[in-house]
Amino acid sequence: MAPLRALYVAESRGLLQKNGGRPKDIAIADIAADINGYLLSFGKATITENSVLNNLKQAALYLNAALGVAILPDRRSMTVRLVGEMETSENIERYFNQVQSKLQKLGSQLKHAQAMGYDVSLQLQAAEDATGIKLLTAA
C-alpha cells in the first residue's frame, strides 16, 4: 500500500506534468510531508523521506512491469520524475552502444544459419520472449 500512496501523492503534486517541456521534478520531502499529514490525521506514526524514496523505487518497478512507464526516484537530488523523451532516447542510444558489437556478432550468426538452412526459430522465439525484442534477419 505504501508504494501506491507515495505514487499517488507524487502524481497529485504534478508528476505527470511538464515544466518547460521537460518532466517535472517532485521533491521527496514534499511527498513525505503530504503522507505524514495524512498519517497524523489518523493518529498514526510518521515516515521518513528515505522510506518514501524506497516506496517510490518499488512503485517504479510496479509501473514499469504493468505499463512500461518509467519513473526515476533520485537519491542524490531527493526528487522523483517521469523519464522524459530526451532521456529515454539517450538511454536507448547508450544501451544500444553497449551491445552493438554483440548484436553484430549475433547478426553474423543469424546470416550463417539462414545461409546454411539451419532452424534457429526456437532461439529467436526464446530471445523475443525474454526481451520483448523481435529479432529478424535482413533480406
N, C-alpha and C. Protein backbone atom coordinates (compact mmCIF):
# COMPACT_ATOMS: atom_id res chain seq x y z
N MET A 1 0.81 -1.19 0.00
CA MET A 1 0.00 0.00 0.00
C MET A 1 0.86 1.26 0.00
N ALA A 2 1.96 1.24 0.76
CA ALA A 2 2.81 2.43 0.89
C ALA A 2 3.40 2.89 -0.46
N PRO A 3 3.88 1.99 -1.32
CA PRO A 3 4.37 2.46 -2.62
C PRO A 3 3.29 3.16 -3.44
N LEU A 4 2.07 2.63 -3.39
CA LEU A 4 0.99 3.25 -4.15
C LEU A 4 0.59 4.60 -3.56
N ARG A 5 0.64 4.72 -2.25
CA ARG A 5 0.34 6.01 -1.60
C ARG A 5 1.39 7.04 -2.04
N ALA A 6 2.66 6.67 -2.03
CA ALA A 6 3.73 7.58 -2.43
C ALA A 6 3.55 7.98 -3.90
N LEU A 7 3.20 7.03 -4.74
CA LEU A 7 2.97 7.33 -6.16
C LEU A 7 1.76 8.24 -6.33
N TYR A 8 0.71 8.00 -5.58
CA TYR A 8 -0.50 8.82 -5.63
C TYR A 8 -0.18 10.27 -5.26
N VAL A 9 0.58 10.45 -4.19
CA VAL A 9 0.94 11.81 -3.76
C VAL A 9 1.84 12.48 -4.80
N ALA A 10 2.80 11.73 -5.35
CA ALA A 10 3.67 12.29 -6.38
C ALA A 10 2.86 12.74 -7.59
N GLU A 11 1.89 11.94 -7.97
CA GLU A 11 1.05 12.31 -9.12
C GLU A 11 0.20 13.53 -8.79
N SER A 12 -0.31 13.59 -7.58
CA SER A 12 -1.13 14.75 -7.20
C SER A 12 -0.29 16.01 -7.11
N ARG A 13 1.01 15.87 -6.93
CA ARG A 13 1.91 17.03 -6.89
C ARG A 13 2.46 17.37 -8.27
N GLY A 14 2.02 16.68 -9.31
CA GLY A 14 2.38 17.06 -10.68
C GLY A 14 3.37 16.16 -11.38
N LEU A 15 3.50 14.92 -10.96
CA LEU A 15 4.46 14.00 -11.58
C LEU A 15 4.27 13.89 -13.10
N LEU A 16 3.02 13.94 -13.55
CA LEU A 16 2.75 13.77 -14.98
C LEU A 16 2.79 15.09 -15.76
N GLN A 17 3.03 16.19 -15.06
CA GLN A 17 3.08 17.49 -15.73
C GLN A 17 4.50 17.78 -16.21
N LYS A 18 4.58 18.72 -17.16
CA LYS A 18 5.88 19.13 -17.69
C LYS A 18 6.17 20.55 -17.25
N ASN A 19 7.44 20.86 -17.14
CA ASN A 19 7.90 22.19 -16.79
C ASN A 19 8.86 22.63 -17.88
N GLY A 20 8.39 23.49 -18.78
CA GLY A 20 9.24 23.90 -19.89
C GLY A 20 9.54 22.77 -20.85
N GLY A 21 8.59 21.87 -21.06
CA GLY A 21 8.77 20.75 -21.97
C GLY A 21 9.52 19.57 -21.37
N ARG A 22 10.00 19.71 -20.17
CA ARG A 22 10.72 18.62 -19.50
C ARG A 22 9.90 18.09 -18.35
N PRO A 23 10.08 16.83 -17.99
CA PRO A 23 9.33 16.28 -16.85
C PRO A 23 9.61 17.08 -15.58
N LYS A 24 8.61 17.21 -14.78
CA LYS A 24 8.70 17.99 -13.54
C LYS A 24 9.30 17.15 -12.43
N ASP A 25 10.28 17.72 -11.72
CA ASP A 25 10.85 17.05 -10.55
C ASP A 25 9.94 17.32 -9.35
N ILE A 26 9.61 16.26 -8.63
CA ILE A 26 8.79 16.38 -7.42
C ILE A 26 9.69 16.05 -6.23
N ALA A 27 9.73 16.95 -5.27
CA ALA A 27 10.59 16.76 -4.09
C ALA A 27 10.05 15.65 -3.20
N ILE A 28 10.94 14.75 -2.82
CA ILE A 28 10.59 13.66 -1.91
C ILE A 28 10.10 14.24 -0.57
N ALA A 29 10.71 15.34 -0.14
CA ALA A 29 10.31 15.97 1.12
C ALA A 29 8.85 16.41 1.07
N ASP A 30 8.41 16.92 -0.07
CA ASP A 30 7.01 17.34 -0.20
C ASP A 30 6.07 16.14 -0.16
N ILE A 31 6.48 15.06 -0.79
CA ILE A 31 5.67 13.84 -0.78
C ILE A 31 5.57 13.30 0.65
N ALA A 32 6.73 13.27 1.34
CA ALA A 32 6.75 12.80 2.73
C ALA A 32 5.87 13.67 3.61
N ALA A 33 5.91 14.98 3.41
CA ALA A 33 5.09 15.89 4.22
C ALA A 33 3.60 15.62 4.01
N ASP A 34 3.20 15.40 2.76
CA ASP A 34 1.79 15.10 2.47
C ASP A 34 1.37 13.78 3.11
N ILE A 35 2.21 12.77 2.97
CA ILE A 35 1.89 11.46 3.53
C ILE A 35 1.83 11.55 5.06
N ASN A 36 2.79 12.25 5.65
CA ASN A 36 2.80 12.38 7.10
C ASN A 36 1.58 13.14 7.61
N GLY A 37 1.14 14.15 6.87
CA GLY A 37 -0.09 14.84 7.23
C GLY A 37 -1.28 13.90 7.22
N TYR A 38 -1.34 13.06 6.22
CA TYR A 38 -2.40 12.06 6.10
C TYR A 38 -2.34 11.08 7.28
N LEU A 39 -1.14 10.59 7.58
CA LEU A 39 -0.98 9.62 8.67
C LEU A 39 -1.33 10.24 10.03
N LEU A 40 -0.89 11.47 10.25
CA LEU A 40 -1.18 12.14 11.52
C LEU A 40 -2.67 12.38 11.71
N SER A 41 -3.40 12.58 10.61
CA SER A 41 -4.84 12.79 10.72
C SER A 41 -5.55 11.55 11.27
N PHE A 42 -4.88 10.40 11.17
CA PHE A 42 -5.43 9.15 11.72
C PHE A 42 -4.72 8.73 13.00
N GLY A 43 -3.82 9.59 13.48
CA GLY A 43 -3.09 9.29 14.70
C GLY A 43 -2.02 8.22 14.53
N LYS A 44 -1.55 8.07 13.31
CA LYS A 44 -0.54 7.04 13.03
C LYS A 44 0.86 7.66 13.05
N ALA A 45 1.87 6.80 13.14
CA ALA A 45 3.26 7.23 13.15
C ALA A 45 3.66 7.76 11.77
N THR A 46 4.56 8.73 11.77
CA THR A 46 5.02 9.32 10.50
C THR A 46 6.12 8.46 9.89
N ILE A 47 6.47 8.79 8.65
CA ILE A 47 7.52 8.06 7.93
C ILE A 47 8.63 9.03 7.55
N THR A 48 9.77 8.49 7.18
CA THR A 48 10.92 9.30 6.80
C THR A 48 10.95 9.51 5.29
N GLU A 49 11.73 10.48 4.87
CA GLU A 49 11.92 10.71 3.43
C GLU A 49 12.56 9.50 2.77
N ASN A 50 13.47 8.84 3.49
CA ASN A 50 14.12 7.64 2.95
C ASN A 50 13.10 6.53 2.70
N SER A 51 12.11 6.40 3.59
CA SER A 51 11.04 5.41 3.39
C SER A 51 10.25 5.75 2.13
N VAL A 52 9.97 7.03 1.94
CA VAL A 52 9.22 7.47 0.75
C VAL A 52 10.03 7.15 -0.50
N LEU A 53 11.32 7.44 -0.47
CA LEU A 53 12.19 7.14 -1.61
C LEU A 53 12.15 5.64 -1.93
N ASN A 54 12.28 4.80 -0.92
CA ASN A 54 12.24 3.35 -1.14
C ASN A 54 10.87 2.90 -1.67
N ASN A 55 9.81 3.51 -1.16
CA ASN A 55 8.47 3.19 -1.65
C ASN A 55 8.31 3.60 -3.11
N LEU A 56 8.88 4.73 -3.48
CA LEU A 56 8.80 5.17 -4.88
C LEU A 56 9.63 4.27 -5.79
N LYS A 57 10.72 3.75 -5.29
CA LYS A 57 11.50 2.79 -6.09
C LYS A 57 10.68 1.53 -6.35
N GLN A 58 9.95 1.08 -5.33
CA GLN A 58 9.06 -0.08 -5.50
C GLN A 58 7.94 0.23 -6.48
N ALA A 59 7.36 1.42 -6.36
CA ALA A 59 6.29 1.83 -7.27
C ALA A 59 6.82 1.92 -8.70
N ALA A 60 8.07 2.34 -8.86
CA ALA A 60 8.67 2.42 -10.19
C ALA A 60 8.73 1.04 -10.84
N LEU A 61 9.04 0.03 -10.04
CA LEU A 61 9.05 -1.35 -10.56
C LEU A 61 7.65 -1.78 -10.99
N TYR A 62 6.64 -1.47 -10.16
CA TYR A 62 5.26 -1.81 -10.49
C TYR A 62 4.85 -1.16 -11.81
N LEU A 63 5.12 0.15 -11.93
CA LEU A 63 4.72 0.89 -13.12
C LEU A 63 5.38 0.33 -14.37
N ASN A 64 6.67 0.05 -14.26
CA ASN A 64 7.38 -0.45 -15.42
C ASN A 64 6.88 -1.82 -15.84
N ALA A 65 6.62 -2.69 -14.87
CA ALA A 65 6.13 -4.04 -15.18
C ALA A 65 4.71 -4.00 -15.74
N ALA A 66 3.86 -3.17 -15.16
CA ALA A 66 2.45 -3.15 -15.56
C ALA A 66 2.19 -2.34 -16.82
N LEU A 67 2.87 -1.19 -16.95
CA LEU A 67 2.53 -0.28 -18.04
C LEU A 67 3.70 0.05 -18.96
N GLY A 68 4.90 -0.34 -18.58
CA GLY A 68 6.07 0.02 -19.38
C GLY A 68 6.48 1.47 -19.18
N VAL A 69 5.96 2.11 -18.15
CA VAL A 69 6.25 3.51 -17.86
C VAL A 69 7.40 3.58 -16.87
N ALA A 70 8.31 4.55 -17.07
CA ALA A 70 9.47 4.66 -16.20
C ALA A 70 9.44 5.97 -15.40
N ILE A 71 9.53 5.83 -14.08
CA ILE A 71 9.75 6.99 -13.23
C ILE A 71 11.10 6.80 -12.57
N LEU A 72 11.72 7.91 -12.20
CA LEU A 72 13.07 7.85 -11.66
C LEU A 72 13.14 8.52 -10.30
N PRO A 73 13.11 7.72 -9.22
CA PRO A 73 13.38 8.27 -7.89
C PRO A 73 14.89 8.48 -7.78
N ASP A 74 15.33 9.69 -7.47
CA ASP A 74 16.75 10.05 -7.46
C ASP A 74 17.20 10.37 -6.05
N ARG A 75 18.08 9.55 -5.50
CA ARG A 75 18.56 9.72 -4.13
C ARG A 75 19.41 10.99 -3.99
N ARG A 76 20.22 11.30 -5.01
CA ARG A 76 21.10 12.47 -4.90
C ARG A 76 20.31 13.77 -4.78
N SER A 77 19.32 13.94 -5.63
CA SER A 77 18.53 15.19 -5.60
C SER A 77 17.30 15.07 -4.72
N MET A 78 17.03 13.86 -4.24
CA MET A 78 15.83 13.57 -3.43
C MET A 78 14.57 14.07 -4.14
N THR A 79 14.46 13.69 -5.42
CA THR A 79 13.29 14.00 -6.22
C THR A 79 12.85 12.75 -6.97
N VAL A 80 11.68 12.83 -7.56
CA VAL A 80 11.18 11.78 -8.44
C VAL A 80 10.63 12.47 -9.68
N ARG A 81 10.81 11.84 -10.84
CA ARG A 81 10.27 12.41 -12.07
C ARG A 81 9.95 11.29 -13.06
N LEU A 82 9.06 11.61 -13.96
CA LEU A 82 8.76 10.73 -15.08
C LEU A 82 9.93 10.83 -16.06
N VAL A 83 10.40 9.73 -16.56
CA VAL A 83 11.52 9.78 -17.51
C VAL A 83 10.99 10.33 -18.82
N GLY A 84 11.59 11.44 -19.27
CA GLY A 84 11.12 12.16 -20.45
C GLY A 84 11.64 11.59 -21.77
N GLU A 85 11.16 12.18 -22.85
CA GLU A 85 11.50 11.72 -24.20
C GLU A 85 13.00 11.81 -24.48
N MET A 86 13.61 12.93 -24.12
CA MET A 86 15.03 13.10 -24.41
C MET A 86 15.87 12.10 -23.61
N GLU A 87 15.55 11.94 -22.35
CA GLU A 87 16.30 11.00 -21.50
C GLU A 87 16.10 9.56 -21.98
N THR A 88 14.88 9.24 -22.41
CA THR A 88 14.61 7.90 -22.94
C THR A 88 15.44 7.65 -24.20
N SER A 89 15.49 8.63 -25.10
CA SER A 89 16.29 8.49 -26.33
C SER A 89 17.77 8.30 -26.00
N GLU A 90 18.26 9.09 -25.05
CA GLU A 90 19.66 8.96 -24.65
C GLU A 90 19.93 7.59 -24.05
N ASN A 91 19.00 7.08 -23.24
CA ASN A 91 19.17 5.75 -22.65
C ASN A 91 19.19 4.67 -23.71
N ILE A 92 18.28 4.77 -24.69
CA ILE A 92 18.24 3.77 -25.76
C ILE A 92 19.56 3.78 -26.52
N GLU A 93 20.05 4.97 -26.84
CA GLU A 93 21.31 5.06 -27.57
C GLU A 93 22.47 4.50 -26.74
N ARG A 94 22.51 4.83 -25.45
CA ARG A 94 23.59 4.34 -24.58
C ARG A 94 23.55 2.81 -24.48
N TYR A 95 22.35 2.24 -24.29
CA TYR A 95 22.23 0.79 -24.19
C TYR A 95 22.58 0.11 -25.52
N PHE A 96 22.16 0.72 -26.63
CA PHE A 96 22.50 0.15 -27.93
C PHE A 96 24.01 0.14 -28.13
N ASN A 97 24.66 1.25 -27.78
CA ASN A 97 26.12 1.32 -27.93
C ASN A 97 26.82 0.25 -27.10
N GLN A 98 26.25 -0.09 -25.95
CA GLN A 98 26.85 -1.11 -25.10
C GLN A 98 26.74 -2.51 -25.70
N VAL A 99 25.72 -2.76 -26.51
CA VAL A 99 25.50 -4.11 -27.05
C VAL A 99 25.71 -4.20 -28.56
N GLN A 100 26.09 -3.09 -29.18
CA GLN A 100 26.19 -3.07 -30.64
C GLN A 100 27.10 -4.15 -31.19
N SER A 101 28.29 -4.32 -30.63
CA SER A 101 29.21 -5.34 -31.17
C SER A 101 28.64 -6.74 -31.01
N LYS A 102 27.95 -7.00 -29.89
CA LYS A 102 27.34 -8.32 -29.69
C LYS A 102 26.19 -8.53 -30.68
N LEU A 103 25.43 -7.48 -30.96
CA LEU A 103 24.34 -7.59 -31.94
C LEU A 103 24.90 -7.86 -33.34
N GLN A 104 26.03 -7.25 -33.67
CA GLN A 104 26.64 -7.51 -34.97
C GLN A 104 27.10 -8.96 -35.07
N LYS A 105 27.66 -9.49 -33.98
CA LYS A 105 28.06 -10.90 -33.97
C LYS A 105 26.83 -11.81 -34.09
N LEU A 106 25.75 -11.43 -33.39
CA LEU A 106 24.51 -12.19 -33.48
C LEU A 106 23.98 -12.17 -34.91
N GLY A 107 24.01 -10.99 -35.53
CA GLY A 107 23.56 -10.87 -36.92
C GLY A 107 24.37 -11.74 -37.86
N SER A 108 25.66 -11.80 -37.62
CA SER A 108 26.53 -12.65 -38.44
C SER A 108 26.14 -14.12 -38.30
N GLN A 109 25.86 -14.55 -37.07
CA GLN A 109 25.46 -15.94 -36.84
C GLN A 109 24.09 -16.23 -37.45
N LEU A 110 23.18 -15.27 -37.38
CA LEU A 110 21.86 -15.45 -37.99
C LEU A 110 21.97 -15.59 -39.51
N LYS A 111 22.83 -14.79 -40.13
CA LYS A 111 23.05 -14.89 -41.58
C LYS A 111 23.62 -16.26 -41.93
N HIS A 112 24.57 -16.72 -41.11
CA HIS A 112 25.16 -18.04 -41.34
C HIS A 112 24.09 -19.13 -41.23
N ALA A 113 23.26 -19.05 -40.19
CA ALA A 113 22.21 -20.06 -40.01
C ALA A 113 21.24 -20.03 -41.19
N GLN A 114 20.90 -18.84 -41.65
CA GLN A 114 19.98 -18.72 -42.79
C GLN A 114 20.62 -19.29 -44.06
N ALA A 115 21.89 -18.97 -44.30
CA ALA A 115 22.59 -19.45 -45.49
C ALA A 115 22.71 -20.97 -45.49
N MET A 116 22.87 -21.55 -44.30
CA MET A 116 23.04 -23.00 -44.21
C MET A 116 21.71 -23.74 -44.06
N GLY A 117 20.61 -22.99 -43.91
CA GLY A 117 19.31 -23.63 -43.77
C GLY A 117 19.05 -24.18 -42.38
N TYR A 118 19.78 -23.69 -41.38
CA TYR A 118 19.59 -24.14 -40.01
C TYR A 118 18.32 -23.51 -39.43
N ASP A 119 17.61 -24.28 -38.64
CA ASP A 119 16.40 -23.77 -37.99
C ASP A 119 16.78 -23.22 -36.61
N VAL A 120 16.71 -21.92 -36.48
CA VAL A 120 17.01 -21.27 -35.20
C VAL A 120 15.77 -20.55 -34.67
N SER A 121 14.60 -20.98 -35.14
CA SER A 121 13.36 -20.31 -34.75
C SER A 121 13.11 -20.42 -33.24
N LEU A 122 13.49 -21.54 -32.63
CA LEU A 122 13.30 -21.67 -31.18
C LEU A 122 14.14 -20.65 -30.41
N GLN A 123 15.39 -20.45 -30.84
CA GLN A 123 16.25 -19.47 -30.17
C GLN A 123 15.73 -18.05 -30.38
N LEU A 124 15.24 -17.75 -31.58
CA LEU A 124 14.70 -16.42 -31.85
C LEU A 124 13.45 -16.17 -31.01
N GLN A 125 12.60 -17.18 -30.89
CA GLN A 125 11.39 -17.03 -30.08
C GLN A 125 11.74 -16.87 -28.60
N ALA A 126 12.72 -17.63 -28.13
CA ALA A 126 13.14 -17.52 -26.73
C ALA A 126 13.72 -16.13 -26.45
N ALA A 127 14.48 -15.60 -27.40
CA ALA A 127 15.04 -14.25 -27.23
C ALA A 127 13.93 -13.21 -27.19
N GLU A 128 12.93 -13.36 -28.05
CA GLU A 128 11.80 -12.42 -28.05
C GLU A 128 11.01 -12.52 -26.75
N ASP A 129 10.77 -13.74 -26.29
CA ASP A 129 10.04 -13.92 -25.05
C ASP A 129 10.78 -13.31 -23.86
N ALA A 130 12.10 -13.44 -23.86
CA ALA A 130 12.90 -12.96 -22.74
C ALA A 130 13.08 -11.44 -22.75
N THR A 131 13.12 -10.84 -23.94
CA THR A 131 13.44 -9.41 -24.03
C THR A 131 12.31 -8.53 -24.53
N GLY A 132 11.36 -9.12 -25.23
CA GLY A 132 10.32 -8.32 -25.86
C GLY A 132 10.78 -7.71 -27.18
N ILE A 133 11.96 -8.09 -27.62
CA ILE A 133 12.52 -7.57 -28.88
C ILE A 133 12.50 -8.68 -29.91
N LYS A 134 11.91 -8.41 -31.06
CA LYS A 134 11.83 -9.41 -32.12
C LYS A 134 13.07 -9.30 -33.01
N LEU A 135 13.79 -10.39 -33.14
CA LEU A 135 14.98 -10.42 -33.98
C LEU A 135 14.61 -10.94 -35.37
N LEU A 136 14.97 -10.17 -36.36
CA LEU A 136 14.73 -10.54 -37.74
C LEU A 136 16.03 -10.45 -38.51
N THR A 137 16.18 -11.28 -39.51
CA THR A 137 17.37 -11.20 -40.35
C THR A 137 17.05 -10.30 -41.54
N ALA A 138 18.04 -9.53 -41.95
CA ALA A 138 17.87 -8.65 -43.12
C ALA A 138 17.84 -9.50 -44.37
N ALA A 139 17.02 -9.14 -45.29
CA ALA A 139 16.89 -9.93 -46.54
C ALA A 139 18.04 -9.64 -47.47
